[in-house]
PDB file of N, CA and C in Angstrom:
ATOM      1  N   MET A   1       0.835  -1.185   0.000  1.00  0.00           N
ATOM      2  CA  MET A   1       0.000   0.000   0.000  1.00  0.00           C
ATOM      3  C   MET A   1       0.873   1.239   0.000  1.00  0.00           C
ATOM      4  N   GLN A   2       0.582   2.186  -0.867  1.00  0.00           N
ATOM      5  CA  GLN A   2       1.375   3.410  -0.958  1.00  0.00           C
ATOM      6  C   GLN A   2       0.649   4.548  -0.283  1.00  0.00           C
ATOM      7  N   ASN A   3       1.429   5.437   0.338  1.00  0.00           N
ATOM      8  CA  ASN A   3       0.785   6.616   0.902  1.00  0.00           C
ATOM      9  C   ASN A   3       0.740   7.723  -0.149  1.00  0.00           C
ATOM     10  N   GLY A   4      -0.009   8.769   0.101  1.00  0.00           N
ATOM     11  CA  GLY A   4      -0.214   9.841  -0.868  1.00  0.00           C
ATOM     12  C   GLY A   4       1.059  10.553  -1.260  1.00  0.00           C
ATOM     13  N   SER A   5       1.982  10.771  -0.317  1.00  0.00           N
ATOM     14  CA  SER A   5       3.194  11.504  -0.650  1.00  0.00           C
ATOM     15  C   SER A   5       4.092  10.702  -1.583  1.00  0.00           C
ATOM     16  N   SER A   6       4.163   9.387  -1.414  1.00  0.00           N
ATOM     17  CA  SER A   6       4.958   8.556  -2.315  1.00  0.00           C
ATOM     18  C   SER A   6       4.370   8.567  -3.717  1.00  0.00           C
ATOM     19  N   LEU A   7       3.069   8.496  -3.797  1.00  0.00           N
ATOM     20  CA  LEU A   7       2.406   8.513  -5.094  1.00  0.00           C
ATOM     21  C   LEU A   7       2.621   9.847  -5.795  1.00  0.00           C
ATOM     22  N   GLY A   8       2.538  10.949  -5.044  1.00  0.00           N
ATOM     23  CA  GLY A   8       2.765  12.278  -5.620  1.00  0.00           C
ATOM     24  C   GLY A   8       4.176  12.421  -6.158  1.00  0.00           C
ATOM     25  N   LEU A   9       5.142  11.889  -5.427  1.00  0.00           N
ATOM     26  CA  LEU A   9       6.530  11.942  -5.867  1.00  0.00           C
ATOM     27  C   LEU A   9       6.706  11.166  -7.164  1.00  0.00           C
ATOM     28  N   LEU A  10       6.129   9.972  -7.231  1.00  0.00           N
ATOM     29  CA  LEU A  10       6.235   9.181  -8.459  1.00  0.00           C
ATOM     30  C   LEU A  10       5.609   9.894  -9.649  1.00  0.00           C
ATOM     31  N   LYS A  11       4.462  10.522  -9.439  1.00  0.00           N
ATOM     32  CA  LYS A  11       3.817  11.256 -10.534  1.00  0.00           C
ATOM     33  C   LYS A  11       4.710  12.380 -11.035  1.00  0.00           C
ATOM     34  N   ARG A  12       5.337  13.138 -10.116  1.00  0.00           N
ATOM     35  CA  ARG A  12       6.207  14.241 -10.527  1.00  0.00           C
ATOM     36  C   ARG A  12       7.429  13.730 -11.265  1.00  0.00           C
ATOM     37  N   LEU A  13       7.985  12.609 -10.814  1.00  0.00           N
ATOM     38  CA  LEU A  13       9.162  12.065 -11.483  1.00  0.00           C
ATOM     39  C   LEU A  13       8.847  11.666 -12.922  1.00  0.00           C
ATOM     40  N   PHE A  14       7.696  11.026 -13.136  1.00  0.00           N
ATOM     41  CA  PHE A  14       7.336  10.602 -14.483  1.00  0.00           C
ATOM     42  C   PHE A  14       6.924  11.767 -15.371  1.00  0.00           C
ATOM     43  N   ARG A  15       6.506  12.866 -14.786  1.00  0.00           N
ATOM     44  CA  ARG A  15       6.194  14.059 -15.586  1.00  0.00           C
ATOM     45  C   ARG A  15       7.432  14.898 -15.837  1.00  0.00           C
ATOM     46  N   GLY A  16       8.559  14.522 -15.211  1.00  0.00           N
ATOM     47  CA  GLY A  16       9.804  15.252 -15.436  1.00  0.00           C
ATOM     48  C   GLY A  16       9.876  16.567 -14.692  1.00  0.00           C
ATOM     49  N   GLU A  17       9.229  16.643 -13.542  1.00  0.00           N
ATOM     50  CA  GLU A  17       9.238  17.898 -12.811  1.00  0.00           C
ATOM     51  C   GLU A  17      10.373  17.980 -11.784  1.00  0.00           C
ATOM     52  N   GLY A  18      11.302  17.060 -11.816  1.00  0.00           N
ATOM     53  CA  GLY A  18      12.417  17.091 -10.881  1.00  0.00           C
ATOM     54  C   GLY A  18      13.348  18.249 -11.174  1.00  0.00           C
ATOM     55  N   ARG A  19      14.050  18.711 -10.138  1.00  0.00           N
ATOM     56  CA  ARG A  19      14.996  19.809 -10.289  1.00  0.00           C
ATOM     57  C   ARG A  19      16.351  19.397  -9.734  1.00  0.00           C
ATOM     58  N   ALA A  20      17.390  19.876 -10.344  1.00  0.00           N
ATOM     59  CA  ALA A  20      18.722  19.583  -9.838  1.00  0.00           C
ATOM     60  C   ALA A  20      19.115  20.541  -8.720  1.00  0.00           C
ATOM     61  N   ASN A  21      18.561  21.729  -8.667  1.00  0.00           N
ATOM     62  CA  ASN A  21      18.932  22.717  -7.657  1.00  0.00           C
ATOM     63  C   ASN A  21      17.843  22.855  -6.614  1.00  0.00           C
ATOM     64  N   ALA A  22      18.252  23.215  -5.413  1.00  0.00           N
ATOM     65  CA  ALA A  22      17.298  23.388  -4.318  1.00  0.00           C
ATOM     66  C   ALA A  22      16.404  24.593  -4.576  1.00  0.00           C
ATOM     67  N   ALA A  23      15.176  24.502  -4.093  1.00  0.00           N
ATOM     68  CA  ALA A  23      14.247  25.620  -4.197  1.00  0.00           C
ATOM     69  C   ALA A  23      14.747  26.764  -3.336  1.00  0.00           C
ATOM     70  N   PRO A  24      14.442  28.020  -3.706  1.00  0.00           N
ATOM     71  CA  PRO A  24      14.947  29.165  -2.952  1.00  0.00           C
ATOM     72  C   PRO A  24      14.590  29.133  -1.466  1.00  0.00           C
ATOM     73  N   GLY A  25      13.443  28.549  -1.103  1.00  0.00           N
ATOM     74  CA  GLY A  25      13.022  28.540   0.290  1.00  0.00           C
ATOM     75  C   GLY A  25      13.729  27.497   1.134  1.00  0.00           C
ATOM     76  N   VAL A  26      14.308  26.493   0.515  1.00  0.00           N
ATOM     77  CA  VAL A  26      14.983  25.437   1.265  1.00  0.00           C
ATOM     78  C   VAL A  26      16.475  25.762   1.271  1.00  0.00           C
ATOM     79  N   VAL A  27      16.940  26.269   2.412  1.00  0.00           N
ATOM     80  CA  VAL A  27      18.334  26.675   2.552  1.00  0.00           C
ATOM     81  C   VAL A  27      18.862  26.139   3.878  1.00  0.00           C
ATOM     82  N   VAL A  28      20.174  26.063   3.995  1.00  0.00           N
ATOM     83  CA  VAL A  28      20.787  25.641   5.245  1.00  0.00           C
ATOM     84  C   VAL A  28      20.341  26.605   6.344  1.00  0.00           C
ATOM     85  N   GLY A  29      19.891  26.034   7.449  1.00  0.00           N
ATOM     86  CA  GLY A  29      19.403  26.835   8.565  1.00  0.00           C
ATOM     87  C   GLY A  29      17.897  27.000   8.595  1.00  0.00           C
ATOM     88  N   ALA A  30      17.208  26.672   7.488  1.00  0.00           N
ATOM     89  CA  ALA A  30      15.738  26.765   7.458  1.00  0.00           C
ATOM     90  C   ALA A  30      15.164  25.752   8.437  1.00  0.00           C
ATOM     91  N   ARG A  31      14.051  26.115   9.073  1.00  0.00           N
ATOM     92  CA  ARG A  31      13.423  25.267  10.088  1.00  0.00           C
ATOM     93  C   ARG A  31      12.079  24.771   9.579  1.00  0.00           C
ATOM     94  N   TYR A  32      11.818  23.475   9.811  1.00  0.00           N
ATOM     95  CA  TYR A  32      10.575  22.850   9.367  1.00  0.00           C
ATOM     96  C   TYR A  32       9.952  22.050  10.501  1.00  0.00           C
ATOM     97  N   SER A  33       8.629  22.103  10.585  1.00  0.00           N
ATOM     98  CA  SER A  33       7.885  21.295  11.540  1.00  0.00           C
ATOM     99  C   SER A  33       7.411  20.033  10.839  1.00  0.00           C
ATOM    100  N   ASP A  34       7.457  18.948  11.558  1.00  0.00           N
ATOM    101  CA  ASP A  34       6.925  17.683  11.068  1.00  0.00           C
ATOM    102  C   ASP A  34       5.414  17.733  11.251  1.00  0.00           C
ATOM    103  N   ARG A  35       4.650  17.598  10.188  1.00  0.00           N
ATOM    104  CA  ARG A  35       3.190  17.705  10.268  1.00  0.00           C
ATOM    105  C   ARG A  35       2.550  16.632  11.140  1.00  0.00           C
ATOM    106  N   HIS A  36       3.237  15.508  11.326  1.00  0.00           N
ATOM    107  CA  HIS A  36       2.687  14.406  12.107  1.00  0.00           C
ATOM    108  C   HIS A  36       3.076  14.484  13.584  1.00  0.00           C
ATOM    109  N   HIS A  37       4.136  15.224  13.873  1.00  0.00           N
ATOM    110  CA  HIS A  37       4.614  15.405  15.244  1.00  0.00           C
ATOM    111  C   HIS A  37       4.882  16.889  15.430  1.00  0.00           C
ATOM    112  N   LEU A  38       3.866  17.633  15.754  1.00  0.00           N
ATOM    113  CA  LEU A  38       3.929  19.091  15.758  1.00  0.00           C
ATOM    114  C   LEU A  38       4.983  19.660  16.696  1.00  0.00           C
ATOM    115  N   THR A  39       5.415  18.907  17.691  1.00  0.00           N
ATOM    116  CA  THR A  39       6.434  19.427  18.601  1.00  0.00           C
ATOM    117  C   THR A  39       7.841  19.287  18.032  1.00  0.00           C
ATOM    118  N   SER A  40       8.006  18.528  16.964  1.00  0.00           N
ATOM    119  CA  SER A  40       9.322  18.324  16.356  1.00  0.00           C
ATOM    120  C   SER A  40       9.627  19.435  15.366  1.00  0.00           C
ATOM    121  N   VAL A  41      10.778  20.082  15.553  1.00  0.00           N
ATOM    122  CA  VAL A  41      11.262  21.077  14.587  1.00  0.00           C
ATOM    123  C   VAL A  41      12.605  20.577  14.086  1.00  0.00           C
ATOM    124  N   TRP A  42      12.742  20.570  12.763  1.00  0.00           N
ATOM    125  CA  TRP A  42      13.945  20.071  12.112  1.00  0.00           C
ATOM    126  C   TRP A  42      14.637  21.208  11.378  1.00  0.00           C
ATOM    127  N   VAL A  43      15.970  21.271  11.481  1.00  0.00           N
ATOM    128  CA  VAL A  43      16.771  22.335  10.879  1.00  0.00           C
ATOM    129  C   VAL A  43      17.596  21.742   9.743  1.00  0.00           C
ATOM    130  N   VAL A  44      17.585  22.423   8.594  1.00  0.00           N
ATOM    131  CA  VAL A  44      18.364  21.970   7.433  1.00  0.00           C
ATOM    132  C   VAL A  44      19.851  22.166   7.740  1.00  0.00           C
ATOM    133  N   GLU A  45      20.608  21.076   7.698  1.00  0.00           N
ATOM    134  CA  GLU A  45      22.049  21.138   7.920  1.00  0.00           C
ATOM    135  C   GLU A  45      22.836  21.165   6.613  1.00  0.00           C
ATOM    136  N   ARG A  46      22.315  20.451   5.607  1.00  0.00           N
ATOM    137  CA  ARG A  46      23.064  20.317   4.362  1.00  0.00           C
ATOM    138  C   ARG A  46      22.109  19.931   3.243  1.00  0.00           C
ATOM    139  N   ILE A  47      22.403  20.406   2.036  1.00  0.00           N
ATOM    140  CA  ILE A  47      21.665  20.009   0.835  1.00  0.00           C
ATOM    141  C   ILE A  47      22.697  19.410  -0.110  1.00  0.00           C
ATOM    142  N   SER A  48      22.497  18.150  -0.484  1.00  0.00           N
ATOM    143  CA  SER A  48      23.478  17.427  -1.282  1.00  0.00           C
ATOM    144  C   SER A  48      22.860  16.898  -2.566  1.00  0.00           C
ATOM    145  N   SER A  49      23.587  17.058  -3.659  1.00  0.00           N
ATOM    146  CA  SER A  49      23.181  16.435  -4.915  1.00  0.00           C
ATOM    147  C   SER A  49      23.930  15.120  -5.047  1.00  0.00           C
ATOM    148  N   ILE A  50      23.202  14.082  -5.389  1.00  0.00           N
ATOM    149  CA  ILE A  50      23.794  12.763  -5.539  1.00  0.00           C
ATOM    150  C   ILE A  50      23.729  12.355  -7.005  1.00  0.00           C
ATOM    151  N   GLY A  51      24.855  12.106  -7.597  1.00  0.00           N
ATOM    152  CA  GLY A  51      25.010  11.645  -8.968  1.00  0.00           C
ATOM    153  C   GLY A  51      23.783  11.640  -9.858  1.00  0.00           C
ATOM    154  N   ALA A  52      23.148  10.486 -10.001  1.00  0.00           N
ATOM    155  CA  ALA A  52      22.050  10.310 -10.943  1.00  0.00           C
ATOM    156  C   ALA A  52      20.694  10.715 -10.381  1.00  0.00           C
ATOM    157  N   SER A  53      20.635  11.147  -9.137  1.00  0.00           N
ATOM    158  CA  SER A  53      19.360  11.498  -8.520  1.00  0.00           C
ATOM    159  C   SER A  53      18.791  12.777  -9.114  1.00  0.00           C
ATOM    160  N   THR A  54      17.489  12.769  -9.356  1.00  0.00           N
ATOM    161  CA  THR A  54      16.812  13.955  -9.884  1.00  0.00           C
ATOM    162  C   THR A  54      16.683  15.034  -8.822  1.00  0.00           C
ATOM    163  N   TYR A  55      16.493  14.617  -7.580  1.00  0.00           N
ATOM    164  CA  TYR A  55      16.306  15.564  -6.480  1.00  0.00           C
ATOM    165  C   TYR A  55      17.497  15.520  -5.531  1.00  0.00           C
ATOM    166  N   PRO A  56      17.912  16.670  -5.036  1.00  0.00           N
ATOM    167  CA  PRO A  56      18.941  16.676  -3.991  1.00  0.00           C
ATOM    168  C   PRO A  56      18.382  16.086  -2.698  1.00  0.00           C
ATOM    169  N   LEU A  57      19.277  15.708  -1.807  1.00  0.00           N
ATOM    170  CA  LEU A  57      18.893  15.207  -0.499  1.00  0.00           C
ATOM    171  C   LEU A  57      19.111  16.304   0.536  1.00  0.00           C
ATOM    172  N   VAL A  58      18.226  16.376   1.508  1.00  0.00           N
ATOM    173  CA  VAL A  58      18.298  17.385   2.552  1.00  0.00           C
ATOM    174  C   VAL A  58      18.574  16.667   3.877  1.00  0.00           C
ATOM    175  N   SER A  59      19.663  17.053   4.530  1.00  0.00           N
ATOM    176  CA  SER A  59      20.004  16.497   5.842  1.00  0.00           C
ATOM    177  C   SER A  59      19.428  17.413   6.908  1.00  0.00           C
ATOM    178  N   LEU A  60      18.650  16.823   7.814  1.00  0.00           N
ATOM    179  CA  LEU A  60      17.986  17.576   8.872  1.00  0.00           C
ATOM    180  C   LEU A  60      18.469  17.111  10.237  1.00  0.00           C
ATOM    181  N   ALA A  61      18.539  18.049  11.185  1.00  0.00           N
ATOM    182  CA  ALA A  61      18.840  17.728  12.580  1.00  0.00           C
ATOM    183  C   ALA A  61      17.708  18.291  13.426  1.00  0.00           C
ATOM    184  N   ARG A  62      17.305  17.536  14.426  1.00  0.00           N
ATOM    185  CA  ARG A  62      16.208  17.996  15.272  1.00  0.00           C
ATOM    186  C   ARG A  62      16.695  19.122  16.176  1.00  0.00           C
ATOM    187  N   GLU A  63      15.934  20.194  16.209  1.00  0.00           N
ATOM    188  CA  GLU A  63      16.277  21.344  17.031  1.00  0.00           C
ATOM    189  C   GLU A  63      16.262  20.936  18.504  1.00  0.00           C
ATOM    190  N   GLY A  64      17.325  21.268  19.213  1.00  0.00           N
ATOM    191  CA  GLY A  64      17.428  20.904  20.616  1.00  0.00           C
ATOM    192  C   GLY A  64      17.950  19.500  20.846  1.00  0.00           C
ATOM    193  N   ARG A  65      18.030  18.694  19.803  1.00  0.00           N
ATOM    194  CA  ARG A  65      18.546  17.316  19.877  1.00  0.00           C
ATOM    195  C   ARG A  65      19.399  17.051  18.636  1.00  0.00           C
ATOM    196  N   PRO A  66      20.557  17.710  18.524  1.00  0.00           N
ATOM    197  CA  PRO A  66      21.370  17.569  17.305  1.00  0.00           C
ATOM    198  C   PRO A  66      21.858  16.145  17.044  1.00  0.00           C
ATOM    199  N   ASP A  67      21.707  15.248  18.031  1.00  0.00           N
ATOM    200  CA  ASP A  67      22.082  13.853  17.816  1.00  0.00           C
ATOM    201  C   ASP A  67      21.036  13.098  16.989  1.00  0.00           C
ATOM    202  N   LEU A  68      19.825  13.665  16.865  1.00  0.00           N
ATOM    203  CA  LEU A  68      18.774  13.062  16.045  1.00  0.00           C
ATOM    204  C   LEU A  68      18.812  13.684  14.664  1.00  0.00           C
ATOM    205  N   LYS A  69      19.057  12.866  13.667  1.00  0.00           N
ATOM    206  CA  LYS A  69      19.186  13.363  12.293  1.00  0.00           C
ATOM    207  C   LYS A  69      18.348  12.510  11.356  1.00  0.00           C
ATOM    208  N   LYS A  70      17.995  13.103  10.222  1.00  0.00           N
ATOM    209  CA  LYS A  70      17.312  12.354   9.166  1.00  0.00           C
ATOM    210  C   LYS A  70      17.668  12.986   7.830  1.00  0.00           C
ATOM    211  N   THR A  71      17.541  12.202   6.787  1.00  0.00           N
ATOM    212  CA  THR A  71      17.789  12.672   5.428  1.00  0.00           C
ATOM    213  C   THR A  71      16.551  12.380   4.607  1.00  0.00           C
ATOM    214  N   VAL A  72      16.062  13.413   3.914  1.00  0.00           N
ATOM    215  CA  VAL A  72      14.885  13.270   3.059  1.00  0.00           C
ATOM    216  C   VAL A  72      15.173  13.915   1.708  1.00  0.00           C
ATOM    217  N   SER A  73      14.396  13.551   0.738  1.00  0.00           N
ATOM    218  CA  SER A  73      14.505  14.162  -0.573  1.00  0.00           C
ATOM    219  C   SER A  73      13.991  15.595  -0.508  1.00  0.00           C
ATOM    220  N   LEU A  74      14.588  16.467  -1.279  1.00  0.00           N
ATOM    221  CA  LEU A  74      14.111  17.848  -1.371  1.00  0.00           C
ATOM    222  C   LEU A  74      12.643  17.875  -1.777  1.00  0.00           C
ATOM    223  N   ALA A  75      12.242  16.922  -2.618  1.00  0.00           N
ATOM    224  CA  ALA A  75      10.853  16.859  -3.079  1.00  0.00           C
ATOM    225  C   ALA A  75       9.878  16.681  -1.923  1.00  0.00           C
ATOM    226  N   VAL A  76      10.280  15.946  -0.899  1.00  0.00           N
ATOM    227  CA  VAL A  76       9.406  15.724   0.255  1.00  0.00           C
ATOM    228  C   VAL A  76       9.142  17.044   0.977  1.00  0.00           C
ATOM    229  N   ILE A  77      10.169  17.853   1.128  1.00  0.00           N
ATOM    230  CA  ILE A  77       9.987  19.143   1.797  1.00  0.00           C
ATOM    231  C   ILE A  77       9.184  20.090   0.916  1.00  0.00           C
ATOM    232  N   GLU A  78       9.508  20.139  -0.371  1.00  0.00           N
ATOM    233  CA  GLU A  78       8.787  21.027  -1.282  1.00  0.00           C
ATOM    234  C   GLU A  78       7.312  20.668  -1.390  1.00  0.00           C
ATOM    235  N   GLU A  79       7.011  19.392  -1.325  1.00  0.00           N
ATOM    236  CA  GLU A  79       5.640  18.926  -1.460  1.00  0.00           C
ATOM    237  C   GLU A  79       4.749  19.482  -0.350  1.00  0.00           C
ATOM    238  N   GLY A  80       5.315  19.644   0.844  1.00  0.00           N
ATOM    239  CA  GLY A  80       4.580  20.258   1.940  1.00  0.00           C
ATOM    240  C   GLY A  80       3.586  19.369   2.657  1.00  0.00           C
ATOM    241  N   GLU A  81       3.543  18.093   2.320  1.00  0.00           N
ATOM    242  CA  GLU A  81       2.611  17.194   3.001  1.00  0.00           C
ATOM    243  C   GLU A  81       3.156  16.694   4.330  1.00  0.00           C
ATOM    244  N   ASP A  82       4.455  16.497   4.421  1.00  0.00           N
ATOM    245  CA  ASP A  82       5.064  15.979   5.648  1.00  0.00           C
ATOM    246  C   ASP A  82       5.752  17.057   6.473  1.00  0.00           C
ATOM    247  N   TYR A  83       6.211  18.116   5.843  1.00  0.00           N
ATOM    248  CA  TYR A  83       6.917  19.196   6.530  1.00  0.00           C
ATOM    249  C   TYR A  83       6.366  20.543   6.098  1.00  0.00           C
ATOM    250  N   ARG A  84       6.363  21.472   7.047  1.00  0.00           N
ATOM    251  CA  ARG A  84       5.958  22.849   6.738  1.00  0.00           C
ATOM    252  C   ARG A  84       6.944  23.775   7.420  1.00  0.00           C
ATOM    253  N   PRO A  85       7.136  24.985   6.914  1.00  0.00           N
ATOM    254  CA  PRO A  85       8.047  25.915   7.564  1.00  0.00           C
ATOM    255  C   PRO A  85       7.634  26.154   9.021  1.00  0.00           C
ATOM    256  N   ALA A  86       8.612  26.097   9.914  1.00  0.00           N
ATOM    257  CA  ALA A  86       8.331  26.308  11.344  1.00  0.00           C
ATOM    258  C   ALA A  86       8.230  27.804  11.629  1.00  0.00           C
ATOM    259  N   ILE A  87       7.400  28.116  12.579  1.00  0.00           N
ATOM    260  CA  ILE A  87       7.215  29.526  12.957  1.00  0.00           C
ATOM    261  C   ILE A  87       8.235  29.905  14.007  1.00  0.00           C
TER     262      ILE A  87
END
């Protein structure tokens, strides 16, 4: 079973809407809230392009807990279903 965000990503990839460069709003130091865990705020540490990948990868660290890290596709952040800009 696929969730909506995975399906949306696949649709964009097949339509050729991928970008090699990060969107202007996604920059190192930008803060995002996890839509499923509203108390979690994640800070962009690094944006990396990987060889054949259509989308760069975004490395995030949890604010207040720099030992907790995750890496997601730039498309996941741009899509706005799982992350939104933190206030």
